Protein backbone atom coordinates (compact mmCIF):
# COMPACT_ATOMS: atom_id res chain seq x y z
CA MET A 1 -11.10 110.16 55.65
CA LYS A 2 -10.30 107.42 58.03
CA GLY A 3 -9.79 103.88 57.84
CA PHE A 4 -8.04 101.89 55.15
CA ARG A 5 -9.87 102.84 52.43
CA PRO A 6 -7.43 106.39 51.87
CA VAL A 7 -3.92 103.99 52.15
CA TRP A 8 -5.73 101.44 49.69
CA MET A 9 -6.27 104.56 47.26
CA VAL A 10 -2.63 105.76 47.30
CA ALA A 11 -1.51 102.08 46.95
CA ARG A 12 -3.90 101.62 44.11
CA ARG A 13 -1.87 104.98 42.70
CA GLU A 14 1.53 104.10 43.10
CA LEU A 15 0.77 101.00 41.71
CA ARG A 16 -0.96 102.01 38.20
CA GLU A 17 1.82 104.91 38.21
CA ARG A 18 4.17 102.96 37.96
CA ILE A 19 3.25 100.10 36.40
CA LYS A 20 2.76 102.26 33.53
CA SER A 21 6.68 103.57 33.89
CA ARG A 22 8.92 102.51 31.57
CA THR A 23 11.45 102.19 34.35
CA TYR A 24 9.76 99.47 35.94
CA ARG A 25 9.19 97.90 32.88
CA ILE A 26 12.79 98.15 31.24
CA THR A 27 14.09 96.81 34.79
CA THR A 28 11.66 93.63 34.77
CA VAL A 29 13.08 93.01 31.60
CA ILE A 30 16.44 93.60 32.29
CA LEU A 31 16.22 91.40 35.65
CA LEU A 32 14.60 88.71 33.51
CA LEU A 33 17.30 88.50 30.57
CA ILE A 34 19.42 88.82 33.50
CA VAL A 35 18.40 85.48 35.23
CA LEU A 36 17.96 83.61 32.03
CA GLY A 37 20.71 84.39 30.42
CA GLY A 38 22.77 82.97 33.43
CA ILE A 39 20.85 80.55 33.90
CA VAL A 40 20.30 78.97 30.01
CA ILE A 41 23.69 80.53 28.31
CA PRO A 42 25.89 78.40 30.02
CA GLN A 43 24.31 75.32 29.68
CA VAL A 44 23.74 75.55 25.86
CA ILE A 45 27.28 76.64 25.37
CA GLY A 46 28.89 74.22 28.60
CA ASP A 47 29.12 70.38 27.72
CA GLY A 48 26.92 69.73 30.72
CA ASP A 49 29.11 66.83 32.24
CA GLY A 50 31.74 68.87 34.82
CA THR A 51 35.18 69.35 33.89
CA THR A 52 36.92 68.03 31.12
CA TYR A 53 40.71 67.38 30.92
CA ASP A 54 42.56 66.62 27.96
CA LEU A 55 45.47 63.83 28.27
CA GLY A 56 48.00 63.46 25.95
CA LEU A 57 49.36 59.70 25.85
CA VAL A 58 52.88 58.46 24.22
CA GLY A 59 54.10 54.56 24.22
CA HIS A 60 51.93 52.02 25.54
CA THR A 61 49.47 52.71 27.77
CA SER A 62 48.02 49.73 29.63
CA ALA A 63 43.91 49.57 29.26
CA ASP A 64 43.58 48.93 33.22
CA LEU A 65 45.28 52.20 33.44
CA LEU A 66 43.01 54.54 31.45
CA ASP A 67 39.83 52.93 32.74
CA THR A 68 40.51 52.95 36.17
CA LEU A 69 41.37 57.09 35.39
CA ASP A 70 37.90 56.57 33.94
CA VAL A 71 36.42 55.03 37.33
CA LEU A 72 37.78 58.46 39.04
CA ALA A 73 37.11 60.88 37.18
CA GLU A 74 33.14 59.52 36.89
CA ALA A 75 33.07 59.45 40.99
CA SER A 76 34.56 63.08 41.16
CA ASP A 77 31.57 64.40 38.33
CA LEU A 78 35.08 64.81 36.08
CA ARG A 79 36.24 63.55 32.48
CA VAL A 80 39.36 62.73 30.92
CA ASP A 81 39.69 62.80 26.78
CA THR A 82 42.39 61.11 25.48
CA ARG A 83 44.94 61.94 22.80
CA MET A 84 47.92 59.80 21.33
CA PHE A 85 50.70 61.07 19.61
CA ASP A 86 53.33 59.14 18.23
CA ASP A 87 56.43 60.94 19.82
CA ILE A 88 57.20 62.88 22.55
CA ALA A 89 58.08 66.15 20.36
CA GLY A 90 54.70 66.03 19.89
CA ALA A 91 52.97 65.99 22.91
CA GLU A 92 55.06 68.17 24.21
CA ALA A 93 54.19 71.10 21.58
CA ALA A 94 50.59 70.93 21.86
CA LEU A 95 51.34 70.50 25.30
CA GLU A 96 53.20 73.78 25.43
CA ALA A 97 50.26 75.03 22.79
CA GLY A 98 47.51 74.57 25.27
CA GLU A 99 45.67 71.81 23.21
CA VAL A 100 46.07 68.97 25.53
CA ASP A 101 46.68 69.62 29.56
CA ALA A 102 49.16 67.02 30.43
CA VAL A 103 51.27 63.94 28.71
CA LEU A 104 51.76 60.41 30.05
CA VAL A 105 54.82 58.80 28.59
CA GLY A 106 54.52 55.11 28.53
CA GLY A 107 51.72 54.85 31.51
CA THR A 108 55.08 56.00 34.18
CA GLU A 109 56.00 59.49 33.66
CA TYR A 110 54.09 62.68 33.71
CA VAL A 111 54.92 65.63 31.98
CA THR A 112 52.77 68.94 32.58
CA ASN A 113 53.44 72.56 31.71
CA ALA A 114 53.48 73.90 35.19
CA PRO A 115 56.14 75.28 36.54
CA ALA A 116 58.46 72.02 38.24
CA ILE A 117 57.20 70.26 41.31
CA THR A 118 59.38 67.62 43.73
CA VAL A 119 56.64 65.64 45.18
CA PHE A 120 54.27 64.28 43.58
CA PRO A 121 50.92 64.31 44.49
CA VAL A 122 49.97 60.86 44.98
CA THR A 123 47.19 61.36 47.70
CA GLY A 124 44.54 63.81 47.93
CA GLY A 125 44.15 67.47 46.66
CA GLY A 126 42.35 67.94 42.92
CA GLY A 127 42.98 67.98 39.21
CA LEU A 128 44.83 65.85 36.34
CA SER A 129 47.80 64.77 38.26
CA SER A 130 46.02 63.84 41.47
CA LEU A 131 43.36 61.75 39.12
CA VAL A 132 46.58 60.04 37.32
CA SER A 133 48.34 59.36 40.30
CA ARG A 134 45.69 57.71 42.37
CA ALA A 135 44.72 55.35 39.28
CA ALA A 136 48.65 54.35 38.90
CA GLN A 137 48.01 53.30 42.20
CA ALA A 138 45.64 51.79 42.20
CA ILE A 139 46.54 49.55 39.24
CA ARG A 140 49.77 49.13 41.06
CA LEU A 141 47.50 47.96 44.28
CA GLN A 142 45.98 45.31 41.74
CA GLU A 143 49.34 43.95 40.59
CA LEU A 144 50.47 43.45 43.99
CA ALA A 145 46.72 42.04 44.97
CA ALA A 146 46.68 39.87 41.79
CA SER A 147 47.51 36.86 43.30
CA ALA A 148 44.09 37.28 45.53
CA GLY A 149 42.27 37.42 42.03
CA VAL A 150 41.03 41.99 42.71
CA SER A 151 39.82 43.14 40.64
CA VAL A 152 40.61 46.59 38.37
CA ASP A 153 37.22 47.95 39.78
CA GLU A 154 37.02 46.35 43.27
CA ILE A 155 40.46 48.28 43.95
CA ALA A 156 39.37 51.73 42.23
CA SER A 157 36.42 51.67 44.64
CA VAL A 158 38.65 51.36 47.69
CA PHE A 159 39.64 55.32 46.36
CA THR A 160 35.74 56.18 45.41
CA GLU A 161 33.56 54.78 48.81
CA ASN A 162 33.65 56.45 52.04
CA PRO A 163 34.98 53.76 54.38
CA LEU A 164 33.03 55.12 57.22
CA THR A 165 29.30 55.00 58.47
CA LEU A 166 28.26 57.99 59.34
CA ARG A 167 25.33 58.57 62.73
CA SER A 168 24.13 61.32 64.20
CA LEU A 169 22.36 61.44 67.49
CA GLU A 170 19.80 63.81 65.94
CA PRO A 171 17.22 62.30 63.37
CA PRO A 172 18.52 63.18 59.56
CA ASP A 173 16.72 65.89 58.65
CA PRO A 174 16.45 65.46 54.30
CA ASN A 175 15.37 68.16 53.39
CA ARG A 176 17.84 70.25 55.58
CA GLU A 177 20.57 70.03 52.59
CA THR A 178 17.60 71.99 50.16
CA ASN A 179 16.47 74.00 53.02
CA THR A 180 19.66 75.78 53.03
CA VAL A 181 20.15 76.22 49.68
CA ILE A 182 17.09 77.68 49.43
CA SER A 183 17.42 79.70 52.47
CA PHE A 184 20.44 81.48 51.41
CA VAL A 185 18.98 82.42 47.88
CA GLY A 186 15.92 84.09 49.84
CA LEU A 187 18.51 85.18 51.58
CA ILE A 188 19.55 87.51 48.64
CA LEU A 189 16.45 88.09 47.26
CA LEU A 190 15.53 89.15 50.98
CA TYR A 191 18.71 91.67 51.05
CA VAL A 192 18.12 92.99 46.95
CA GLY A 193 14.07 92.91 47.38
CA ILE A 194 14.23 95.13 50.67
CA LEU A 195 17.16 98.01 49.98
CA SER A 196 15.97 98.08 46.49
CA TYR A 197 12.24 98.69 47.02
CA GLY A 198 13.02 100.44 49.93
CA ALA A 199 14.93 103.23 47.62
CA TRP A 200 12.16 103.29 45.36
CA THR A 201 9.83 104.48 48.55
CA LEU A 202 12.82 106.96 48.87
CA ASN A 203 12.79 108.12 45.26
CA GLY A 204 9.13 108.48 44.82
CA VAL A 205 8.77 110.64 48.14
CA ILE A 206 11.31 112.95 46.44
CA GLU A 207 10.05 112.70 43.11
CA GLU A 208 6.75 114.38 44.99
CA LYS A 209 7.71 117.21 46.56
CA THR A 210 9.98 117.79 43.79
CA ASN A 211 6.53 118.02 41.74
CA ARG A 212 4.55 119.79 44.38
CA VAL A 213 2.12 116.33 43.51
CA VAL A 214 2.49 116.23 47.74
CA GLU A 215 0.38 119.44 47.96
CA VAL A 216 -2.41 118.12 46.40
CA LEU A 217 -2.14 114.84 48.18
CA MET A 218 -2.29 116.56 51.34
CA SER A 219 -5.01 118.19 50.92
CA ALA A 220 -7.18 115.08 51.16
CA LEU A 221 -4.72 113.12 53.16
CA ARG A 222 -3.47 112.83 56.39
CA PRO A 223 0.30 112.76 56.13
CA HIS A 224 0.40 108.78 57.71
CA GLN A 225 -1.64 107.63 54.86
CA LEU A 226 0.26 108.92 51.98
CA MET A 227 2.76 106.96 53.69
CA ALA A 228 0.84 104.35 54.64
CA GLY A 229 -0.16 103.95 50.89
CA LYS A 230 2.85 104.24 49.12
CA VAL A 231 4.63 101.48 51.26
CA LEU A 232 1.99 99.14 50.65
CA GLY A 233 1.56 100.28 46.99
CA ILE A 234 5.59 99.66 46.45
CA GLY A 235 5.78 96.84 48.45
CA LEU A 236 2.97 94.79 45.92
CA LEU A 237 4.78 95.68 42.98
CA GLY A 238 8.25 94.64 44.73
CA VAL A 239 6.19 91.25 45.82
CA ALA A 240 5.32 91.00 41.93
CA GLN A 241 8.21 91.23 40.58
CA LEU A 242 10.50 88.90 42.75
CA LEU A 243 7.90 86.43 42.05
CA LEU A 244 8.07 87.02 38.37
CA ILE A 245 12.03 86.15 38.71
CA VAL A 246 11.47 83.57 40.71
CA VAL A 247 8.53 81.60 38.60
CA THR A 248 10.85 82.80 35.63
CA ALA A 249 14.50 81.41 37.20
CA ALA A 250 12.73 77.81 38.04
CA THR A 251 11.13 77.53 35.30
CA ALA A 252 14.25 78.02 33.25
CA ALA A 253 16.38 75.86 35.38
CA LEU A 254 13.87 73.14 34.78
CA ALA A 255 13.70 73.59 31.46
CA VAL A 256 17.13 73.06 30.78
CA ASP A 257 17.28 70.41 33.44
CA LEU A 258 19.52 72.38 35.22
CA VAL A 259 18.04 71.12 38.94
CA ASP A 260 15.52 69.16 39.81
CA LEU A 261 12.25 70.29 41.66
CA PRO A 262 13.24 70.66 45.21
CA ASP A 263 10.97 68.61 48.15
CA VAL A 264 10.78 72.62 49.84
CA SER A 265 8.62 72.75 53.27
CA GLY A 266 5.94 74.99 52.77
CA GLY A 267 6.87 76.75 55.82
CA LEU A 268 10.18 77.97 54.87
CA ILE A 269 8.81 79.37 51.84
CA GLY A 270 5.90 81.25 53.62
CA SER A 271 8.50 81.85 56.40
CA LEU A 272 10.22 84.05 53.42
CA LEU A 273 7.61 85.63 52.60
CA LEU A 274 6.38 86.83 55.79
CA TRP A 275 9.68 88.00 56.52
CA PHE A 276 10.51 90.10 53.25
CA VAL A 277 6.84 91.56 54.62
CA LEU A 278 8.30 92.64 57.91
CA GLY A 279 11.53 93.70 56.67
CA PHE A 280 10.53 95.12 53.55
CA SER A 281 8.29 97.43 55.97
CA PHE A 282 10.91 97.98 58.51
CA PHE A 283 13.05 99.69 56.40
CA SER A 284 10.97 100.82 53.88
CA VAL A 285 9.31 103.63 56.79
CA SER A 286 13.02 104.42 57.31
CA TYR A 287 13.46 105.24 53.90
CA ALA A 288 9.95 106.91 53.53
CA ALA A 289 10.64 109.54 56.65
CA VAL A 290 14.33 110.02 55.56
CA GLY A 291 13.25 110.83 51.95
CA ALA A 292 10.69 113.90 53.45
CA LEU A 293 13.74 115.64 54.79
CA VAL A 294 15.18 116.57 51.04
CA SER A 295 14.03 117.58 47.68
CA ARG A 296 16.17 117.00 45.17
CA VAL A 297 16.90 113.09 44.18
CA GLU A 298 20.77 113.93 44.49
CA GLU A 299 20.23 114.14 47.84
CA ALA A 300 18.70 110.60 48.51
CA GLN A 301 21.83 108.54 48.67
CA SER A 302 23.53 110.93 51.44
CA VAL A 303 20.07 110.81 53.76
CA ALA A 304 19.38 106.90 51.99
CA THR A 305 23.43 106.05 53.53
CA PRO A 306 22.73 105.16 56.86
CA LEU A 307 19.74 102.52 56.17
CA THR A 308 21.56 101.26 53.27
CA LEU A 309 24.80 100.35 56.07
CA VAL A 310 22.37 98.90 58.37
CA GLY A 311 21.08 96.51 55.75
CA VAL A 312 24.59 95.62 54.74
CA ALA A 313 25.36 95.13 58.22
CA GLY A 314 22.00 92.75 59.04
CA TYR A 315 23.16 91.13 55.49
CA PHE A 316 27.01 90.17 56.56
CA ALA A 317 25.42 88.78 60.04
CA ALA A 318 23.30 86.34 58.07
CA PHE A 319 26.74 85.10 56.16
CA ALA A 320 27.54 84.26 59.59
CA VAL A 321 24.28 83.05 61.22
CA LEU A 322 25.20 80.79 58.17
CA GLU A 323 28.47 79.02 59.90
CA ASN A 324 27.28 78.96 63.30
CA PRO A 325 23.08 79.04 63.53
CA ASP A 326 23.68 78.46 67.28
CA GLY A 327 25.86 81.00 68.48
CA VAL A 328 25.38 84.37 70.26
CA VAL A 329 25.50 86.42 67.37
CA ALA A 330 23.25 84.36 66.10
CA ARG A 331 20.84 84.38 68.69
CA ILE A 332 21.04 88.16 69.48
CA THR A 333 20.99 89.23 66.04
CA THR A 334 17.45 87.36 65.64
CA LEU A 335 16.23 89.47 68.11
CA LEU A 336 17.20 92.81 66.84
CA PRO A 337 14.57 94.18 63.59
CA PRO A 338 17.01 95.53 61.38
CA THR A 339 18.95 91.46 61.55
CA ALA A 340 16.23 89.77 62.34
CA PRO A 341 14.67 89.35 58.49
CA PHE A 342 17.84 88.37 57.06
CA VAL A 343 19.21 86.11 59.98
CA VAL A 344 16.26 83.73 61.20
CA PRO A 345 15.14 82.32 57.76
CA ILE A 346 18.41 80.80 57.53
CA ARG A 347 18.64 79.95 61.08
CA GLN A 348 14.41 78.49 60.74
CA ALA A 349 16.45 76.58 57.48
CA GLN A 350 18.67 74.70 59.52
CA GLY A 351 16.66 74.20 62.33
CA ALA A 352 17.99 76.08 64.70
CA ILE A 353 15.56 78.18 66.49
CA ALA A 354 13.18 77.30 68.77
CA GLN A 355 9.67 78.27 68.06
CA TRP A 356 9.75 80.47 70.82
CA GLU A 357 12.65 82.58 69.56
CA TYR A 358 10.74 82.68 66.46
CA LEU A 359 7.79 83.86 68.00
CA LEU A 360 9.50 86.48 69.74
CA ALA A 361 11.11 87.66 66.81
CA VAL A 362 8.20 88.25 64.86
CA VAL A 363 6.32 89.92 67.96
CA ILE A 364 9.50 92.22 68.43
CA MET A 365 9.59 93.29 64.47
CA ILE A 366 6.10 94.21 64.79
CA ALA A 367 6.08 95.88 67.54
CA ALA A 368 9.17 97.62 66.43
CA THR A 369 7.81 98.35 63.30
CA TYR A 370 4.57 99.87 64.73
CA GLY A 371 6.80 102.22 66.51
CA LEU A 372 8.86 102.82 63.78
CA ILE A 373 5.54 103.96 61.67
CA ARG A 374 4.25 106.40 64.69
CA LEU A 375 7.82 107.88 65.19
CA ALA A 376 8.35 108.28 61.23
CA GLY A 377 4.92 109.24 60.15
CA ARG A 378 5.70 113.06 62.44
CA VAL A 379 9.35 113.14 60.78
CA TYR A 380 7.23 112.73 57.17
CA SER A 381 4.85 114.57 58.45
CA GLY A 382 7.18 117.57 59.97
CA ALA A 383 9.00 118.04 56.35
CA ILE A 384 7.26 116.27 53.80
CA LEU A 385 5.90 119.76 52.78
CA SER A 386 9.17 121.62 53.03
CA ILE A 387 10.66 122.91 49.70
CA GLY A 388 13.98 123.60 49.07
CA ALA A 389 17.46 122.99 51.35
CA ARG A 390 17.52 120.06 53.22
CA VAL A 391 14.98 120.13 56.85
CA ARG A 392 17.28 118.77 59.99
CA LEU A 393 16.15 115.75 61.69
CA ARG A 394 15.19 117.90 65.15
CA ASP A 395 13.23 120.72 62.76
CA ALA A 396 11.09 117.91 61.26
CA TRP A 397 10.15 116.48 64.71
CA ARG A 398 9.39 119.93 65.85
CA SER A 399 7.11 120.92 63.37
CA ALA A 400 5.04 118.00 62.78
CA GLU A 401 1.61 118.59 64.03
CA LEU A 402 1.14 117.16 67.80
């Protein structure tokens, strides 16, 4: 048989067999439960208002100080709950028991259970000590400026408002931050999807060699048709599973008010899907070729390790590009097929890739994948019917049909 029909027949068989398998169903359910649990459980058991500190109070503490403390905490997405104590001994006992994080005595002495320090953090920093320190500063400034009629809120605003106006020579992109977050999440999904579903291809090839199914299939199909159909079928399953996970995660996040629906450009989503297809095709064809070299599942890891390391290198290269999307590393890895699927979406989200670079990366990726299909197809053809000992790459190449 010629044309695309035999390839689709193999892909359809792959889809039907894997959807029926308990492994695929159980894996999908577990992934969905992990995603739902990671999103919903923290929102159910958490207070949803950021970090909360417990501050013990002993003696008189001015209302202005507490009001200012609340203003500063709210500006930092924090919360400070106060608890009154009749005496210092009771407050210190509660501090040692972990019932409060610190104790403020008479509005002037700050008591903590941490090791003693010689300099109080009067500026910068974070945590409860910094909040109380800045609140006390604001009150002191208010006292000094009382003759001018400056209010506590006005003094507190000095510590919470940006005193400088930001201006950039480049026009602002309102979606850049959102796109960067989406591309980072997409990077993780690309990495997990490409390598995981590539491993499916590897194991599928080995299983068919082990149970001799491949011998039946090869009587009606050419090796490259069988390999292409397997890659296509597993790729479609992978895309379906990823989309199900993403939609479930987004629905759960919106349901618990964890996020607002982001304004994501269609171009970025399309780019992520494009590079998933390109990346999966490149790696999956390689996994299929090396899978044909062995006949036991136990040997899968040894032949897959080099490809896995290449994928890990691309993943870490994307983190380097995230820090410097215009650097030399970013430009080089954009044009390298093993790293391009991880790097290009990151650069696109940050607006750091020219159109000609993007198109060139796509052309190189397609050309490299086509060349790899020809090479891998020959290796696959030369080794797929070999049962028993592991086939050397050179022997598989020589025994392939010319």
